[in-house]
Amino acid sequence: MLSRQGPIARFRGRGDKVTEFARLLRPYLDGKVLDVGCDSRFLENHLPGKYVGVDIAGCPDIRVNLEEGLPFSDKSFDVTVAFDILEHCDRMHLVFDELCRVTRSFVIVGLPNMYEWHFRILYLFGRKVSGKYGLPPDPPADRHRWLFTIDEGRAFLRTRGTMHGFSPVREILGYYAYRRFLPRCIGALGEMVSPKWASALAYHYCMVLRRDDGVSRI
């Protein structure tokens, strides 16, 4: 369970999400930054230093299949960012290990929360939750491979990060900026209540890990 309520992000869509997190994470985004799963390079314009984007599609500098590892030497980048990427990978543990391997200072990971209240309602009434799930007749180009709560994602990042000499220094809960009145009220409630309700009310979770002596700051 989250030990305390940290900064809060509010957004709609991927570009909006990256912009908001870049604002909140500005102190950690100096130096040479690797954007893993860069998509349309939303992060690039928010960085003061050198940017390298990798992805299997979109507009990357280098096309990379993350399941096969990252084509960079150890500690090649000051910061590595991976927003909404790990859940797409069959070899999620290997991919996270690679993020840590190529990073000198900070690894920043963002994860979706498919246990958020809106998704639960869609499940309850048999509605389609996302194009990343379901059973299409033809093999999809992309989909989510993992389904987990915020508490599970948080424990994964903390424990796996420690194995590589990283410890968490910041975490952020993200809430979708719904337009309709009732969903907006539910979101506002989620921002006010105890963090123990994060897996039911938050839309996204982000952790910043630092390569250091392993002493957690959160």
Protein backbone atom coordinates (compact mmCIF):
# COMPACT_ATOMS: atom_id res chain seq x y z
CA MET A 1 0.00 0.00 0.00
CA LEU A 2 1.17 3.54 -0.70
CA SER A 3 2.65 4.96 2.46
CA ARG A 4 1.65 8.55 1.74
CA GLN A 5 -0.03 10.74 -0.83
CA GLY A 6 2.58 12.24 -3.14
CA PRO A 7 2.23 14.68 -6.04
CA ILE A 8 -0.86 14.23 -8.23
CA ALA A 9 -1.07 14.34 -12.02
CA ARG A 10 -4.25 15.03 -14.02
CA PHE A 11 -4.42 14.38 -17.75
CA ARG A 12 -6.27 13.17 -20.85
CA GLY A 13 -4.49 11.13 -23.50
CA ARG A 14 -0.87 10.06 -23.83
CA GLY A 15 0.57 13.40 -24.94
CA ASP A 16 -1.15 15.22 -22.10
CA LYS A 17 0.04 12.58 -19.64
CA VAL A 18 3.68 12.86 -20.70
CA THR A 19 3.52 16.67 -20.52
CA GLU A 20 2.13 16.61 -16.99
CA PHE A 21 4.63 14.04 -15.73
CA ALA A 22 7.51 15.91 -17.39
CA ARG A 23 6.48 19.00 -15.42
CA LEU A 24 6.33 17.12 -12.12
CA LEU A 25 9.54 15.19 -12.78
CA ARG A 26 11.61 18.10 -14.09
CA PRO A 27 14.31 17.80 -11.33
CA TYR A 28 15.11 14.25 -12.51
CA LEU A 29 15.24 14.82 -16.27
CA ASP A 30 18.67 16.40 -16.73
CA GLY A 31 21.48 14.98 -18.83
CA LYS A 32 21.21 12.28 -21.46
CA VAL A 33 17.70 10.78 -21.43
CA LEU A 34 16.55 7.48 -22.95
CA ASP A 35 12.82 7.36 -23.73
CA VAL A 36 11.84 3.69 -23.93
CA GLY A 37 8.63 3.24 -25.90
CA CYS A 38 8.87 6.81 -27.19
CA ASP A 39 5.83 6.54 -29.50
CA SER A 40 5.53 10.02 -31.11
CA ARG A 41 8.37 11.49 -29.00
CA PHE A 42 6.04 13.48 -26.73
CA LEU A 43 8.77 13.76 -24.11
CA GLU A 44 11.47 15.24 -26.32
CA ASN A 45 10.28 18.86 -26.24
CA HIS A 46 10.26 18.89 -22.44
CA LEU A 47 13.93 18.02 -21.99
CA PRO A 48 16.92 20.36 -21.74
CA GLY A 49 19.55 17.74 -22.59
CA LYS A 50 20.18 15.02 -25.15
CA TYR A 51 17.24 12.80 -26.07
CA VAL A 52 17.24 9.28 -27.52
CA GLY A 53 13.94 7.53 -28.25
CA VAL A 54 13.53 3.81 -28.85
CA ASP A 55 10.42 1.89 -29.84
CA ILE A 56 9.29 -0.95 -32.05
CA ALA A 57 7.01 1.47 -33.93
CA GLY A 58 6.20 5.19 -33.93
CA CYS A 59 9.01 7.72 -34.46
CA PRO A 60 12.09 6.37 -32.64
CA ASP A 61 15.73 7.17 -33.19
CA ILE A 62 16.37 3.43 -32.99
CA ARG A 63 13.84 0.66 -33.58
CA VAL A 64 14.17 -1.85 -30.77
CA ASN A 65 12.38 -5.04 -29.75
CA LEU A 66 12.54 -4.69 -25.97
CA GLU A 67 12.05 -8.41 -25.49
CA GLU A 68 15.58 -8.80 -26.86
CA GLY A 69 17.13 -6.17 -24.58
CA LEU A 70 18.45 -2.65 -25.15
CA PRO A 71 21.36 -2.13 -27.60
CA PHE A 72 23.36 0.11 -25.25
CA SER A 73 26.28 -0.42 -22.90
CA ASP A 74 25.95 -0.29 -19.12
CA LYS A 75 25.15 3.15 -17.63
CA SER A 76 24.93 4.81 -21.06
CA PHE A 77 22.21 7.26 -19.97
CA ASP A 78 21.72 9.56 -17.03
CA VAL A 79 17.98 8.92 -16.99
CA THR A 80 15.77 6.23 -18.51
CA VAL A 81 12.02 6.80 -18.84
CA ALA A 82 9.43 4.11 -19.61
CA PHE A 83 5.80 5.26 -19.56
CA ASP A 84 3.16 2.54 -20.13
CA ILE A 85 5.67 0.08 -21.55
CA LEU A 86 6.34 -2.80 -19.16
CA GLU A 87 2.78 -4.14 -19.26
CA HIS A 88 3.16 -4.67 -23.04
CA CYS A 89 6.16 -7.00 -22.67
CA ASP A 90 6.00 -10.75 -22.16
CA ARG A 91 9.47 -10.59 -20.61
CA MET A 92 8.59 -7.74 -18.31
CA HIS A 93 11.22 -8.61 -15.71
CA LEU A 94 14.00 -8.70 -18.30
CA VAL A 95 12.92 -5.36 -19.77
CA PHE A 96 12.93 -3.69 -16.35
CA ASP A 97 16.37 -5.16 -15.65
CA GLU A 98 17.57 -3.61 -18.92
CA LEU A 99 16.22 -0.19 -17.91
CA CYS A 100 18.35 -0.37 -14.78
CA ARG A 101 21.42 -1.70 -16.58
CA VAL A 102 21.73 1.19 -19.03
CA THR A 103 21.07 3.92 -16.42
CA ARG A 104 23.54 5.91 -14.31
CA SER A 105 21.15 7.90 -12.12
CA PHE A 106 17.35 7.70 -12.42
CA VAL A 107 14.90 5.15 -13.79
CA ILE A 108 11.36 6.53 -14.16
CA VAL A 109 8.55 4.02 -14.77
CA GLY A 110 4.88 4.76 -15.36
CA LEU A 111 2.25 2.02 -15.17
CA PRO A 112 -1.48 2.02 -16.00
CA ASN A 113 -4.06 0.96 -13.45
CA MET A 114 -6.68 -1.26 -15.06
CA TYR A 115 -8.31 -1.65 -11.63
CA GLU A 116 -9.43 2.00 -11.71
CA TRP A 117 -13.14 2.45 -10.88
CA HIS A 118 -14.20 3.27 -14.46
CA PHE A 119 -12.68 0.06 -15.82
CA ARG A 120 -14.35 -1.92 -13.03
CA ILE A 121 -17.75 -0.58 -14.07
CA LEU A 122 -17.11 -1.49 -17.70
CA TYR A 123 -16.16 -5.02 -16.64
CA LEU A 124 -19.28 -5.25 -14.46
CA PHE A 125 -21.61 -4.42 -17.33
CA GLY A 126 -19.77 -6.51 -19.92
CA ARG A 127 -18.46 -3.53 -21.88
CA LYS A 128 -15.20 -3.44 -23.82
CA VAL A 129 -12.48 -2.10 -21.54
CA SER A 130 -9.67 -1.45 -23.99
CA GLY A 131 -8.34 -2.51 -27.35
CA LYS A 132 -5.39 -3.92 -25.41
CA TYR A 133 -7.56 -6.76 -24.10
CA GLY A 134 -10.11 -9.14 -25.56
CA LEU A 135 -9.78 -11.85 -28.19
CA PRO A 136 -9.66 -10.51 -31.77
CA PRO A 137 -9.89 -13.04 -34.63
CA ASP A 138 -6.49 -11.96 -35.97
CA PRO A 139 -3.31 -11.65 -33.87
CA PRO A 140 -3.08 -8.02 -32.64
CA ALA A 141 0.00 -5.90 -33.26
CA ASP A 142 0.09 -4.90 -29.62
CA ARG A 143 -1.69 -5.66 -26.36
CA HIS A 144 -1.26 -5.67 -22.58
CA ARG A 145 0.34 -8.86 -21.28
CA TRP A 146 -0.06 -8.12 -17.57
CA LEU A 147 -2.92 -7.07 -15.29
CA PHE A 148 -1.97 -5.82 -11.83
CA THR A 149 -2.97 -3.36 -9.12
CA ILE A 150 -1.02 -0.25 -8.17
CA ASP A 151 0.13 -1.98 -4.99
CA GLU A 152 1.49 -4.90 -7.04
CA GLY A 153 3.20 -2.58 -9.52
CA ARG A 154 4.72 -0.56 -6.71
CA ALA A 155 6.04 -3.67 -4.97
CA PHE A 156 7.50 -4.96 -8.25
CA LEU A 157 9.39 -1.72 -8.95
CA ARG A 158 10.66 -1.36 -5.41
CA THR A 159 11.81 -4.98 -5.04
CA ARG A 160 13.23 -5.44 -8.52
CA GLY A 161 14.91 -2.04 -8.38
CA THR A 162 16.66 -2.93 -5.12
CA MET A 163 18.14 -5.98 -6.83
CA HIS A 164 19.97 -3.57 -9.18
CA GLY A 165 21.05 -1.01 -6.60
CA PHE A 166 18.13 1.39 -7.10
CA SER A 167 15.77 2.73 -4.45
CA PRO A 168 12.54 4.72 -4.84
CA VAL A 169 12.74 8.45 -4.23
CA ARG A 170 9.36 9.66 -5.53
CA GLU A 171 5.98 8.33 -6.57
CA ILE A 172 3.08 10.04 -8.31
CA LEU A 173 -0.57 9.06 -8.66
CA GLY A 174 -2.26 10.05 -11.91
CA TYR A 175 -5.98 10.73 -12.32
CA TYR A 176 -7.87 10.94 -15.58
CA ALA A 177 -9.37 14.39 -16.16
CA TYR A 178 -12.92 13.26 -16.94
CA ARG A 179 -15.20 15.86 -18.52
CA ARG A 180 -18.53 14.69 -17.08
CA PHE A 181 -19.60 15.91 -13.66
CA LEU A 182 -19.96 12.59 -11.78
CA PRO A 183 -16.65 11.06 -12.99
CA ARG A 184 -14.91 14.35 -12.14
CA CYS A 185 -16.36 14.18 -8.63
CA ILE A 186 -15.14 10.60 -8.21
CA GLY A 187 -11.70 11.65 -9.37
CA ALA A 188 -11.66 14.54 -6.92
CA LEU A 189 -12.65 12.13 -4.16
CA GLY A 190 -9.78 9.85 -5.12
CA GLU A 191 -7.32 12.72 -4.74
CA MET A 192 -8.54 13.44 -1.22
CA VAL A 193 -8.95 10.02 0.35
CA SER A 194 -6.29 7.75 1.85
CA PRO A 195 -3.70 6.30 -0.56
CA LYS A 196 -4.97 2.82 0.36
CA TRP A 197 -7.76 3.47 -2.19
CA ALA A 198 -5.30 4.24 -5.00
CA SER A 199 -5.84 0.94 -6.82
CA ALA A 200 -9.57 1.67 -7.02
CA LEU A 201 -9.51 5.38 -7.84
CA ALA A 202 -6.21 6.33 -9.53
CA TYR A 203 -5.71 5.91 -13.29
CA HIS A 204 -1.92 5.73 -13.38
CA TYR A 205 1.10 5.24 -11.14
CA CYS A 206 4.68 6.49 -11.55
CA MET A 207 7.83 5.74 -9.55
CA VAL A 208 11.25 7.40 -9.71
CA LEU A 209 14.14 5.14 -8.70
CA ARG A 210 17.67 6.35 -8.03
CA ARG A 211 20.89 4.38 -8.28
CA ASP A 212 22.39 4.84 -4.83
CA ASP A 213 23.04 3.03 -1.55
CA GLY A 214 19.63 1.40 -1.56
CA VAL A 215 18.18 3.63 1.16
CA SER A 216 14.57 4.33 0.19
CA ARG A 217 13.29 7.91 0.44
CA ILE A 218 9.61 6.88 0.44
